Amino acid sequence: MAGQGTPATALLVKRGIAHRTHPYQVAPDAPNYGALVAVALGVAPERVFKSLVTAVDGALTVAVVPVTGELDLKALAAAGGGKRAALADRAVAERATGYVRGGISPLGQRRRLPTVLDESALDLPTIFVSAGRRGLQLELAAADLVALTDARTAPLQTR
């Protein structure tokens, strides 16, 4: 679609990675945003992943977890080789990635951050992550996301 390009989609095109973009409409301040995105896309919510910028022992790290659960900060710290993890400040996350909240993609960030992907993604044929803009999701194979971000995989979500 014309006008849908983002740094994330440009990276996928440049690398020749199979993907699809999916536009959707959900109010950015809606409660349970991720679940509403899944409904808008007509896909199972466990296939839709959110990208959360965190700090593991002070180092910015992206945690990619299904919208069906919450991020387990202790599990993230362990997966990232640290002792403590916390969500990063919104302004810090936006400045580091070049994306706005609600549109942060694990791909095409201004400054490539270490990434940890919830291992549940590996059991799915494809997953959905932000394309780098509110209202646009990327569908791609989890293995491709891992390869492009050098992500570690680990159990990261609480239920």
N, C-alpha and C. Protein backbone atom coordinates (compact mmCIF):
# COMPACT_ATOMS: atom_id res chain seq x y z
N MET A 1 0.84 -1.19 0.00
CA MET A 1 0.00 0.00 0.00
C MET A 1 0.88 1.24 0.00
N ALA A 2 0.54 2.18 -0.78
CA ALA A 2 1.30 3.43 -0.85
C ALA A 2 1.25 4.15 0.48
N GLY A 3 2.36 4.74 0.87
CA GLY A 3 2.41 5.50 2.10
C GLY A 3 2.51 4.66 3.35
N GLN A 4 2.72 3.34 3.20
CA GLN A 4 2.78 2.46 4.37
C GLN A 4 4.22 2.18 4.80
N GLY A 5 5.21 2.71 4.10
CA GLY A 5 6.60 2.41 4.41
C GLY A 5 7.05 2.95 5.75
N THR A 6 7.83 2.15 6.45
CA THR A 6 8.44 2.52 7.72
C THR A 6 9.86 1.97 7.69
N PRO A 7 10.72 2.36 8.62
CA PRO A 7 12.04 1.75 8.69
C PRO A 7 11.96 0.21 8.83
N ALA A 8 10.96 -0.28 9.54
CA ALA A 8 10.80 -1.73 9.71
C ALA A 8 10.48 -2.41 8.38
N THR A 9 9.53 -1.86 7.64
CA THR A 9 9.17 -2.47 6.36
C THR A 9 10.31 -2.33 5.35
N ALA A 10 11.01 -1.21 5.40
CA ALA A 10 12.15 -1.00 4.50
C ALA A 10 13.23 -2.05 4.75
N LEU A 11 13.48 -2.38 6.01
CA LEU A 11 14.47 -3.40 6.36
C LEU A 11 14.06 -4.76 5.80
N LEU A 12 12.79 -5.11 5.94
CA LEU A 12 12.31 -6.39 5.43
C LEU A 12 12.43 -6.47 3.91
N VAL A 13 12.08 -5.40 3.23
CA VAL A 13 12.19 -5.38 1.77
C VAL A 13 13.66 -5.49 1.36
N LYS A 14 14.52 -4.72 2.01
CA LYS A 14 15.95 -4.72 1.68
C LYS A 14 16.55 -6.11 1.85
N ARG A 15 16.14 -6.82 2.89
CA ARG A 15 16.68 -8.16 3.16
C ARG A 15 15.94 -9.27 2.43
N GLY A 16 14.87 -8.93 1.72
CA GLY A 16 14.11 -9.94 0.98
C GLY A 16 13.36 -10.91 1.86
N ILE A 17 12.89 -10.43 3.01
CA ILE A 17 12.18 -11.27 3.98
C ILE A 17 10.69 -11.26 3.66
N ALA A 18 10.09 -12.45 3.58
CA ALA A 18 8.65 -12.56 3.33
C ALA A 18 7.88 -11.96 4.50
N HIS A 19 6.94 -11.09 4.18
CA HIS A 19 6.11 -10.45 5.20
C HIS A 19 4.87 -9.88 4.54
N ARG A 20 3.90 -9.55 5.38
CA ARG A 20 2.70 -8.85 4.92
C ARG A 20 2.42 -7.73 5.90
N THR A 21 1.90 -6.62 5.39
CA THR A 21 1.47 -5.54 6.28
C THR A 21 -0.05 -5.62 6.41
N HIS A 22 -0.51 -5.24 7.60
CA HIS A 22 -1.94 -5.29 7.91
C HIS A 22 -2.35 -3.99 8.61
N PRO A 23 -3.06 -3.11 7.91
CA PRO A 23 -3.57 -1.91 8.57
C PRO A 23 -4.75 -2.26 9.47
N TYR A 24 -4.96 -1.46 10.50
CA TYR A 24 -6.09 -1.65 11.41
C TYR A 24 -6.43 -0.31 12.03
N GLN A 25 -7.62 -0.24 12.64
CA GLN A 25 -8.02 0.98 13.34
C GLN A 25 -8.44 0.64 14.76
N VAL A 26 -7.65 1.13 15.72
CA VAL A 26 -7.94 1.01 17.14
C VAL A 26 -7.48 2.32 17.77
N ALA A 27 -8.29 2.87 18.64
CA ALA A 27 -7.91 4.11 19.32
C ALA A 27 -6.64 3.86 20.14
N PRO A 28 -5.62 4.73 20.01
CA PRO A 28 -4.34 4.49 20.68
C PRO A 28 -4.43 4.46 22.21
N ASP A 29 -5.45 5.08 22.77
CA ASP A 29 -5.58 5.10 24.24
C ASP A 29 -6.61 4.08 24.74
N ALA A 30 -7.06 3.18 23.87
CA ALA A 30 -8.06 2.18 24.26
C ALA A 30 -7.46 1.21 25.26
N PRO A 31 -8.23 0.86 26.31
CA PRO A 31 -7.74 -0.16 27.23
C PRO A 31 -7.65 -1.51 26.51
N ASN A 32 -6.67 -2.32 26.90
CA ASN A 32 -6.45 -3.63 26.30
C ASN A 32 -6.21 -3.50 24.79
N TYR A 33 -5.38 -2.55 24.43
CA TYR A 33 -5.07 -2.21 23.04
C TYR A 33 -4.69 -3.43 22.21
N GLY A 34 -3.79 -4.25 22.72
CA GLY A 34 -3.32 -5.40 21.96
C GLY A 34 -4.42 -6.37 21.60
N ALA A 35 -5.31 -6.65 22.55
CA ALA A 35 -6.42 -7.56 22.27
C ALA A 35 -7.34 -6.96 21.21
N LEU A 36 -7.53 -5.65 21.25
CA LEU A 36 -8.36 -5.00 20.24
C LEU A 36 -7.71 -5.03 18.85
N VAL A 37 -6.39 -4.96 18.82
CA VAL A 37 -5.68 -5.08 17.54
C VAL A 37 -5.93 -6.47 16.96
N ALA A 38 -5.84 -7.50 17.79
CA ALA A 38 -6.08 -8.87 17.32
C ALA A 38 -7.49 -9.00 16.75
N VAL A 39 -8.48 -8.42 17.45
CA VAL A 39 -9.86 -8.47 16.97
C VAL A 39 -9.97 -7.74 15.62
N ALA A 40 -9.36 -6.56 15.54
CA ALA A 40 -9.43 -5.77 14.31
C ALA A 40 -8.79 -6.52 13.13
N LEU A 41 -7.76 -7.29 13.41
CA LEU A 41 -7.07 -8.05 12.36
C LEU A 41 -7.75 -9.39 12.09
N GLY A 42 -8.61 -9.82 13.01
CA GLY A 42 -9.28 -11.11 12.85
C GLY A 42 -8.35 -12.29 13.07
N VAL A 43 -7.38 -12.14 13.97
CA VAL A 43 -6.44 -13.22 14.26
C VAL A 43 -6.47 -13.56 15.74
N ALA A 44 -5.99 -14.75 16.07
CA ALA A 44 -5.91 -15.17 17.47
C ALA A 44 -4.97 -14.24 18.23
N PRO A 45 -5.37 -13.78 19.42
CA PRO A 45 -4.55 -12.81 20.14
C PRO A 45 -3.15 -13.32 20.51
N GLU A 46 -2.98 -14.63 20.64
CA GLU A 46 -1.65 -15.14 20.97
C GLU A 46 -0.65 -14.99 19.82
N ARG A 47 -1.13 -14.60 18.63
CA ARG A 47 -0.26 -14.36 17.48
C ARG A 47 0.18 -12.90 17.39
N VAL A 48 -0.44 -12.02 18.18
CA VAL A 48 -0.11 -10.60 18.15
C VAL A 48 0.83 -10.30 19.32
N PHE A 49 1.98 -9.71 18.99
CA PHE A 49 3.01 -9.46 19.99
C PHE A 49 3.23 -7.96 20.16
N LYS A 50 3.50 -7.56 21.39
CA LYS A 50 3.81 -6.16 21.67
C LYS A 50 5.31 -6.04 21.94
N SER A 51 5.87 -4.91 21.55
CA SER A 51 7.28 -4.63 21.74
C SER A 51 7.41 -3.62 22.87
N LEU A 52 8.03 -4.03 23.95
CA LEU A 52 8.19 -3.19 25.13
C LEU A 52 9.65 -2.84 25.32
N VAL A 53 9.96 -1.55 25.38
CA VAL A 53 11.33 -1.14 25.64
C VAL A 53 11.52 -1.15 27.15
N THR A 54 12.56 -1.85 27.56
CA THR A 54 12.85 -2.05 28.98
C THR A 54 14.31 -1.67 29.25
N ALA A 55 14.66 -1.70 30.50
CA ALA A 55 16.06 -1.53 30.90
C ALA A 55 16.43 -2.75 31.73
N VAL A 56 17.41 -3.51 31.26
CA VAL A 56 17.94 -4.66 32.00
C VAL A 56 19.29 -4.23 32.56
N ASP A 57 19.34 -4.10 33.87
CA ASP A 57 20.54 -3.58 34.54
C ASP A 57 21.00 -2.28 33.89
N GLY A 58 20.03 -1.45 33.51
CA GLY A 58 20.31 -0.13 32.94
C GLY A 58 20.49 -0.10 31.44
N ALA A 59 20.62 -1.26 30.79
CA ALA A 59 20.81 -1.31 29.33
C ALA A 59 19.46 -1.49 28.64
N LEU A 60 19.14 -0.61 27.70
CA LEU A 60 17.87 -0.72 27.00
C LEU A 60 17.80 -2.04 26.23
N THR A 61 16.64 -2.69 26.34
CA THR A 61 16.39 -3.99 25.73
C THR A 61 14.93 -4.02 25.30
N VAL A 62 14.65 -4.65 24.15
CA VAL A 62 13.28 -4.79 23.69
C VAL A 62 12.78 -6.18 24.06
N ALA A 63 11.66 -6.22 24.75
CA ALA A 63 10.99 -7.48 25.07
C ALA A 63 9.78 -7.59 24.14
N VAL A 64 9.67 -8.71 23.45
CA VAL A 64 8.56 -8.92 22.51
C VAL A 64 7.73 -10.07 23.07
N VAL A 65 6.52 -9.72 23.53
CA VAL A 65 5.66 -10.70 24.21
C VAL A 65 4.24 -10.66 23.64
N PRO A 66 3.53 -11.78 23.74
CA PRO A 66 2.15 -11.80 23.26
C PRO A 66 1.28 -10.81 24.03
N VAL A 67 0.29 -10.25 23.34
CA VAL A 67 -0.62 -9.31 23.99
C VAL A 67 -1.53 -10.01 24.99
N THR A 68 -1.52 -11.34 24.99
CA THR A 68 -2.38 -12.12 25.89
C THR A 68 -1.83 -12.21 27.30
N GLY A 69 -0.59 -11.80 27.52
CA GLY A 69 0.00 -11.89 28.85
C GLY A 69 0.74 -10.62 29.21
N GLU A 70 1.30 -10.63 30.39
CA GLU A 70 2.11 -9.52 30.86
C GLU A 70 3.58 -9.93 30.85
N LEU A 71 4.45 -8.97 30.73
CA LEU A 71 5.88 -9.23 30.74
C LEU A 71 6.33 -9.59 32.15
N ASP A 72 7.03 -10.70 32.29
CA ASP A 72 7.64 -11.12 33.55
C ASP A 72 9.03 -10.49 33.59
N LEU A 73 9.17 -9.43 34.38
CA LEU A 73 10.42 -8.68 34.42
C LEU A 73 11.58 -9.51 34.96
N LYS A 74 11.33 -10.39 35.90
CA LYS A 74 12.40 -11.25 36.43
C LYS A 74 12.89 -12.21 35.35
N ALA A 75 11.96 -12.76 34.57
CA ALA A 75 12.34 -13.67 33.48
C ALA A 75 13.13 -12.90 32.42
N LEU A 76 12.72 -11.67 32.12
CA LEU A 76 13.45 -10.86 31.15
C LEU A 76 14.86 -10.57 31.64
N ALA A 77 15.00 -10.20 32.92
CA ALA A 77 16.33 -9.92 33.47
C ALA A 77 17.23 -11.15 33.31
N ALA A 78 16.70 -12.31 33.64
CA ALA A 78 17.49 -13.54 33.52
C ALA A 78 17.86 -13.81 32.07
N ALA A 79 16.91 -13.64 31.17
CA ALA A 79 17.16 -13.89 29.74
C ALA A 79 18.17 -12.90 29.17
N GLY A 80 18.16 -11.69 29.72
CA GLY A 80 19.09 -10.65 29.26
C GLY A 80 20.42 -10.68 29.98
N GLY A 81 20.62 -11.67 30.86
CA GLY A 81 21.88 -11.79 31.57
C GLY A 81 22.07 -10.78 32.68
N GLY A 82 20.94 -10.26 33.20
CA GLY A 82 21.03 -9.26 34.25
C GLY A 82 20.33 -9.69 35.52
N LYS A 83 20.27 -8.76 36.45
CA LYS A 83 19.62 -9.02 37.73
C LYS A 83 18.27 -8.33 37.86
N ARG A 84 18.14 -7.14 37.23
CA ARG A 84 16.91 -6.36 37.35
C ARG A 84 16.45 -5.86 35.99
N ALA A 85 15.14 -5.80 35.84
CA ALA A 85 14.57 -5.23 34.62
C ALA A 85 13.39 -4.36 35.01
N ALA A 86 13.19 -3.31 34.23
CA ALA A 86 12.07 -2.40 34.44
C ALA A 86 11.67 -1.84 33.08
N LEU A 87 10.42 -1.41 32.98
CA LEU A 87 9.99 -0.74 31.75
C LEU A 87 10.73 0.59 31.63
N ALA A 88 11.14 0.91 30.42
CA ALA A 88 11.83 2.18 30.18
C ALA A 88 10.82 3.32 30.14
N ASP A 89 11.28 4.49 30.45
CA ASP A 89 10.46 5.69 30.34
C ASP A 89 10.03 5.87 28.89
N ARG A 90 8.81 6.31 28.70
CA ARG A 90 8.25 6.48 27.35
C ARG A 90 9.14 7.34 26.46
N ALA A 91 9.59 8.47 26.94
CA ALA A 91 10.42 9.37 26.13
C ALA A 91 11.74 8.71 25.77
N VAL A 92 12.31 7.97 26.68
CA VAL A 92 13.57 7.26 26.42
C VAL A 92 13.35 6.21 25.34
N ALA A 93 12.25 5.46 25.45
CA ALA A 93 11.93 4.42 24.47
C ALA A 93 11.74 5.02 23.09
N GLU A 94 11.01 6.11 23.02
CA GLU A 94 10.74 6.75 21.72
C GLU A 94 12.02 7.31 21.11
N ARG A 95 12.85 7.93 21.94
CA ARG A 95 14.10 8.51 21.45
C ARG A 95 15.05 7.42 20.94
N ALA A 96 15.16 6.32 21.66
CA ALA A 96 16.09 5.24 21.29
C ALA A 96 15.65 4.51 20.03
N THR A 97 14.33 4.30 19.88
CA THR A 97 13.84 3.50 18.75
C THR A 97 13.49 4.33 17.52
N GLY A 98 13.13 5.60 17.73
CA GLY A 98 12.66 6.42 16.62
C GLY A 98 11.19 6.23 16.33
N TYR A 99 10.51 5.46 17.16
CA TYR A 99 9.08 5.18 17.00
C TYR A 99 8.31 5.77 18.17
N VAL A 100 6.99 5.98 17.98
CA VAL A 100 6.14 6.46 19.07
C VAL A 100 5.49 5.28 19.78
N ARG A 101 5.14 5.48 21.04
CA ARG A 101 4.47 4.44 21.81
C ARG A 101 3.22 3.99 21.05
N GLY A 102 3.00 2.70 21.04
CA GLY A 102 1.89 2.14 20.29
C GLY A 102 2.30 1.79 18.87
N GLY A 103 3.51 2.21 18.48
CA GLY A 103 4.01 1.91 17.15
C GLY A 103 5.46 1.46 17.18
N ILE A 104 5.96 1.08 18.36
CA ILE A 104 7.36 0.65 18.46
C ILE A 104 7.50 -0.75 17.87
N SER A 105 8.37 -0.85 16.89
CA SER A 105 8.64 -2.12 16.23
C SER A 105 9.97 -2.68 16.72
N PRO A 106 10.09 -4.00 16.76
CA PRO A 106 11.40 -4.58 17.09
C PRO A 106 12.38 -4.46 15.92
N LEU A 107 11.90 -4.01 14.77
CA LEU A 107 12.71 -3.90 13.55
C LEU A 107 12.90 -2.45 13.14
N GLY A 108 14.05 -2.15 12.55
CA GLY A 108 14.28 -0.83 11.97
C GLY A 108 14.39 0.29 12.98
N GLN A 109 14.88 -0.02 14.15
CA GLN A 109 15.00 1.00 15.19
C GLN A 109 16.14 1.96 14.89
N ARG A 110 16.02 3.16 15.39
CA ARG A 110 17.06 4.17 15.20
C ARG A 110 18.38 3.65 15.75
N ARG A 111 18.32 3.07 16.93
CA ARG A 111 19.49 2.45 17.56
C ARG A 111 19.09 1.01 17.84
N ARG A 112 19.70 0.07 17.17
CA ARG A 112 19.32 -1.33 17.33
C ARG A 112 19.57 -1.79 18.76
N LEU A 113 18.49 -2.20 19.40
CA LEU A 113 18.57 -2.61 20.80
C LEU A 113 18.56 -4.13 20.91
N PRO A 114 19.22 -4.69 21.94
CA PRO A 114 19.12 -6.12 22.16
C PRO A 114 17.64 -6.50 22.30
N THR A 115 17.28 -7.66 21.78
CA THR A 115 15.89 -8.09 21.74
C THR A 115 15.75 -9.48 22.34
N VAL A 116 14.68 -9.65 23.13
CA VAL A 116 14.32 -10.96 23.67
C VAL A 116 12.88 -11.22 23.27
N LEU A 117 12.66 -12.34 22.59
CA LEU A 117 11.35 -12.74 22.09
C LEU A 117 10.80 -13.87 22.94
N ASP A 118 9.53 -13.75 23.33
CA ASP A 118 8.91 -14.83 24.07
C ASP A 118 8.94 -16.09 23.22
N GLU A 119 9.35 -17.19 23.82
CA GLU A 119 9.55 -18.44 23.08
C GLU A 119 8.27 -19.01 22.48
N SER A 120 7.11 -18.57 22.94
CA SER A 120 5.85 -19.05 22.37
C SER A 120 5.74 -18.71 20.89
N ALA A 121 6.45 -17.67 20.44
CA ALA A 121 6.40 -17.25 19.04
C ALA A 121 6.90 -18.35 18.11
N LEU A 122 7.83 -19.16 18.59
CA LEU A 122 8.44 -20.18 17.75
C LEU A 122 7.47 -21.30 17.40
N ASP A 123 6.37 -21.41 18.14
CA ASP A 123 5.37 -22.45 17.88
C ASP A 123 4.31 -22.02 16.87
N LEU A 124 4.39 -20.78 16.40
CA LEU A 124 3.37 -20.23 15.50
C LEU A 124 3.90 -20.12 14.07
N PRO A 125 3.03 -20.31 13.07
CA PRO A 125 3.50 -20.20 11.69
C PRO A 125 3.99 -18.79 11.35
N THR A 126 3.26 -17.78 11.81
CA THR A 126 3.68 -16.38 11.68
C THR A 126 3.19 -15.63 12.90
N ILE A 127 3.83 -14.49 13.16
CA ILE A 127 3.40 -13.62 14.26
C ILE A 127 3.19 -12.22 13.70
N PHE A 128 2.51 -11.39 14.50
CA PHE A 128 2.24 -10.01 14.15
C PHE A 128 2.98 -9.12 15.14
N VAL A 129 3.73 -8.15 14.62
CA VAL A 129 4.39 -7.15 15.45
C VAL A 129 4.14 -5.79 14.81
N SER A 130 4.37 -4.75 15.56
CA SER A 130 4.17 -3.41 15.00
C SER A 130 5.09 -3.18 13.82
N ALA A 131 4.56 -2.53 12.82
CA ALA A 131 5.34 -2.18 11.63
C ALA A 131 6.07 -0.85 11.81
N GLY A 132 5.92 -0.24 12.98
CA GLY A 132 6.60 1.03 13.22
C GLY A 132 5.71 2.23 13.12
N ARG A 133 4.41 1.98 13.09
CA ARG A 133 3.42 3.05 13.01
C ARG A 133 2.15 2.54 13.65
N ARG A 134 1.50 3.39 14.44
CA ARG A 134 0.19 3.01 14.97
C ARG A 134 -0.73 2.71 13.80
N GLY A 135 -1.49 1.63 13.92
CA GLY A 135 -2.43 1.29 12.87
C GLY A 135 -1.86 0.42 11.78
N LEU A 136 -0.64 -0.11 11.97
CA LEU A 136 -0.04 -0.98 10.96
C LEU A 136 0.76 -2.08 11.64
N GLN A 137 0.42 -3.32 11.31
CA GLN A 137 1.13 -4.49 11.85
C GLN A 137 1.86 -5.21 10.73
N LEU A 138 2.94 -5.88 11.10
CA LEU A 138 3.70 -6.74 10.20
C LEU A 138 3.40 -8.19 10.55
N GLU A 139 3.23 -9.02 9.56
CA GLU A 139 3.12 -10.46 9.77
C GLU A 139 4.37 -11.09 9.16
N LEU A 140 5.09 -11.86 9.95
CA LEU A 140 6.29 -12.52 9.48
C LEU A 140 6.56 -13.76 10.32
N ALA A 141 7.47 -14.59 9.86
CA ALA A 141 7.87 -15.78 10.62
C ALA A 141 8.71 -15.35 11.81
N ALA A 142 8.48 -15.99 12.95
CA ALA A 142 9.26 -15.67 14.15
C ALA A 142 10.74 -15.90 13.91
N ALA A 143 11.09 -16.92 13.16
CA ALA A 143 12.50 -17.20 12.88
C ALA A 143 13.15 -16.03 12.12
N ASP A 144 12.40 -15.39 11.25
CA ASP A 144 12.93 -14.23 10.54
C ASP A 144 13.15 -13.05 11.50
N LEU A 145 12.22 -12.87 12.43
CA LEU A 145 12.39 -11.80 13.42
C LEU A 145 13.63 -12.07 14.27
N VAL A 146 13.80 -13.31 14.69
CA VAL A 146 14.98 -13.68 15.48
C VAL A 146 16.25 -13.39 14.70
N ALA A 147 16.28 -13.80 13.43
CA ALA A 147 17.47 -13.60 12.61
C ALA A 147 17.79 -12.12 12.39
N LEU A 148 16.77 -11.31 12.14
CA LEU A 148 16.99 -9.89 11.86
C LEU A 148 17.40 -9.09 13.09
N THR A 149 16.98 -9.52 14.26
CA THR A 149 17.28 -8.77 15.48
C THR A 149 18.34 -9.43 16.34
N ASP A 150 18.80 -10.62 15.94
CA ASP A 150 19.70 -11.42 16.78
C ASP A 150 19.07 -11.66 18.15
N ALA A 151 17.77 -11.86 18.15
CA ALA A 151 17.02 -12.00 19.41
C ALA A 151 17.36 -13.30 20.12
N ARG A 152 17.30 -13.22 21.42
CA ARG A 152 17.29 -14.41 22.26
C ARG A 152 15.83 -14.79 22.43
N THR A 153 15.56 -16.05 22.66
CA THR A 153 14.19 -16.48 22.98
C THR A 153 14.18 -17.04 24.39
N ALA A 154 13.10 -16.78 25.08
CA ALA A 154 12.95 -17.23 26.47
C ALA A 154 11.49 -17.11 26.86
N PRO A 155 11.07 -17.83 27.90
CA PRO A 155 9.70 -17.62 28.40
C PRO A 155 9.65 -16.27 29.12
N LEU A 156 8.86 -15.35 28.60
CA LEU A 156 8.84 -13.99 29.14
C LEU A 156 7.52 -13.53 29.70
N GLN A 157 6.45 -14.28 29.49
CA GLN A 157 5.14 -13.76 29.88
C GLN A 157 4.56 -14.46 31.10
N THR A 158 3.82 -13.67 31.85
CA THR A 158 3.00 -14.21 32.92
C THR A 158 1.60 -14.33 32.34
N ARG A 159 0.79 -15.15 32.88
CA ARG A 159 -0.56 -15.33 32.34
C ARG A 159 -1.59 -14.68 33.22
